Protein backbone atom coordinates (compact mmCIF):
# COMPACT_ATOMS: atom_id res chain seq x y z
CA MET A 1 -101.21 149.43 151.78
CA GLN A 2 -98.05 147.51 152.75
CA HIS A 3 -99.12 144.63 150.49
CA ASP A 4 -99.50 146.95 147.46
CA SER A 5 -96.03 148.39 148.07
CA LYS A 6 -94.50 144.91 148.19
CA MET A 7 -96.30 143.96 144.99
CA HIS A 8 -95.07 147.13 143.29
CA ASP A 9 -91.49 146.46 144.43
CA ALA A 10 -91.71 142.86 143.25
CA SER A 11 -93.08 143.99 139.90
CA ARG A 12 -90.24 146.51 139.49
CA LEU A 13 -87.69 143.87 140.41
CA LEU A 14 -89.20 141.49 137.89
CA ARG A 15 -89.09 144.13 135.11
CA ARG A 16 -85.49 145.00 135.99
CA LYS A 17 -84.45 141.35 135.84
CA GLN A 18 -86.26 140.94 132.51
CA PHE A 19 -84.37 143.96 131.16
CA GLU A 20 -81.06 142.57 132.44
CA ALA A 21 -81.79 139.21 130.83
CA ARG A 22 -82.58 140.87 127.49
CA GLU A 23 -79.31 142.81 127.70
CA LYS A 24 -77.37 139.62 128.45
CA GLU A 25 -79.11 137.90 125.51
CA ARG A 26 -78.06 140.79 123.29
CA MET A 27 -74.48 140.49 124.53
CA VAL A 28 -74.42 136.74 123.87
CA VAL A 29 -75.52 137.35 120.30
CA LEU A 30 -73.02 140.19 119.86
CA PHE A 31 -70.05 138.22 121.20
CA SER A 32 -71.04 135.10 119.25
CA ASN A 33 -71.18 137.15 116.04
CA MET A 34 -67.82 138.74 116.82
CA ILE A 35 -66.23 135.32 117.29
CA ARG A 36 -67.73 134.07 114.03
CA ASP A 37 -66.47 137.16 112.18
CA PHE A 38 -62.99 136.82 113.70
CA ASP A 39 -62.89 133.14 112.73
CA GLU A 40 -63.80 134.04 109.13
CA LEU A 41 -61.03 136.66 109.04
CA ILE A 42 -58.54 134.14 110.40
CA VAL A 43 -59.43 131.66 107.64
CA SER A 44 -59.08 134.42 105.06
CA LEU A 45 -55.67 135.43 106.43
CA ASP A 46 -54.55 131.79 106.40
CA ARG A 47 -55.42 131.64 102.69
CA GLN A 48 -53.66 134.93 101.97
CA ILE A 49 -50.51 133.81 103.80
CA ALA A 50 -50.47 130.48 101.94
CA ALA A 51 -51.03 132.22 98.59
CA GLU A 52 -48.20 134.69 99.29
CA GLU A 53 -45.84 131.90 100.32
CA ASP A 54 -46.75 129.98 97.16
CA ARG A 55 -46.21 133.11 95.07
CA THR A 56 -42.79 133.86 96.58
CA ARG A 57 -41.89 130.18 97.06
CA ILE A 58 -40.51 131.06 100.50
CA LYS A 59 -42.27 129.44 103.47
CA ASP A 60 -39.55 129.88 106.08
CA THR A 61 -40.47 132.91 108.19
CA ARG A 62 -36.79 133.34 109.19
CA HIS A 63 -35.62 133.64 105.59
CA PRO A 64 -34.37 137.19 104.85
CA ALA A 65 -36.53 137.38 101.72
CA TYR A 66 -39.72 136.18 103.44
CA SER A 67 -42.68 138.29 102.36
CA THR A 68 -43.41 141.33 104.51
CA PHE A 69 -47.05 140.97 103.49
CA ALA A 70 -47.13 137.40 104.82
CA THR A 71 -45.38 138.54 108.02
CA ALA A 72 -47.94 141.30 108.57
CA ALA A 73 -50.84 138.96 107.79
CA ALA A 74 -49.46 136.37 110.23
CA LYS A 75 -49.18 139.03 112.95
CA ARG A 76 -52.77 140.14 112.29
CA ARG A 77 -53.89 136.51 112.39
CA GLN A 78 -52.15 136.03 115.76
CA ASN A 79 -53.84 139.15 117.13
CA LEU A 80 -57.22 137.85 115.96
CA LEU A 81 -56.57 134.50 117.63
CA SER A 82 -55.88 136.33 120.89
CA SER A 83 -59.06 138.36 120.44
CA VAL A 84 -61.08 135.19 119.83
CA ALA A 85 -59.72 133.60 123.00
CA HIS A 86 -60.52 136.71 125.05
CA THR A 87 -63.98 137.11 123.52
CA LYS A 88 -64.79 133.45 124.19
CA SER A 89 -63.89 133.89 127.85
CA VAL A 90 -66.10 136.99 128.06
CA LEU A 91 -68.90 135.09 126.31
CA ASP A 92 -68.63 132.28 128.86
CA VAL A 93 -69.01 134.80 131.70
CA VAL A 94 -72.02 136.46 130.04
CA ARG A 95 -73.67 133.08 129.43
CA HIS A 96 -73.14 132.18 133.09
CA GLU A 97 -74.65 135.53 134.17
CA LEU A 98 -77.60 134.98 131.81
CA GLY A 99 -78.17 131.54 133.31
CA ALA A 100 -78.18 133.01 136.80
CA LEU A 101 -80.63 135.71 135.70
CA LEU A 102 -82.95 133.12 134.18
CA VAL A 103 -82.97 131.23 137.48
CA GLN A 104 -83.78 134.47 139.30
CA LEU A 105 -86.57 135.20 136.83
CA ARG A 106 -88.01 131.72 137.28
CA ASN A 107 -87.95 132.17 141.05
CA LEU A 108 -89.58 135.60 140.76
CA GLU A 109 -92.21 134.11 138.45
CA GLN A 110 -93.02 131.45 140.99
CA ALA A 111 -93.34 134.10 143.70
CA GLN A 112 -95.50 136.22 141.39
CA ASN A 113 -97.80 133.29 140.69
CA ASN A 114 -99.01 133.71 144.25
CA GLU A 115 -100.06 137.26 143.33
CA PRO A 116 -102.75 136.92 140.64
CA ARG A 117 -102.68 140.63 139.69
CA LEU A 118 -99.15 140.45 138.28
CA ALA A 119 -98.28 138.91 134.94
CA PRO A 120 -95.65 136.16 135.04
CA ALA A 121 -92.35 136.64 133.24
CA SER A 122 -91.15 133.75 131.15
CA PRO A 123 -87.64 133.48 129.78
CA THR A 124 -87.68 134.02 126.06
CA PRO A 125 -86.79 131.14 123.72
CA LYS A 126 -83.86 133.32 122.64
CA ALA A 127 -82.54 133.39 126.23
CA ILE A 128 -82.83 129.65 126.56
CA SER A 129 -81.03 129.02 123.25
CA ALA A 130 -78.30 131.54 124.17
CA LEU A 131 -77.23 129.28 127.02
CA ARG A 132 -76.35 126.49 124.63
């Protein structure tokens, strides 16, 4: 009876770790997409600022007649750059956590291989590619 309880606990732990790994994979994809979207917005704002400066022929941000549109776009661009930096640091943490979870899953798999009644859990190709 004790053996069955240990197997059940190990199986639950394995499923929980698989769930956690899937959530971390989802977060990696989400944060990667956010960074890509922010980068695209930054490029677009760069173009808009340059076009406005060309239109007004004033590139000096200290000039009293400098475009308020260009000033606002530059501020938004700066905010996006800060968001990208923060999101990249969060992404690094999540990738590290995912890597640790994959190691735990591999170790649990190896332990489960000694118990033929339980199915092994393999990291998904998506999880492996998310670490890159």
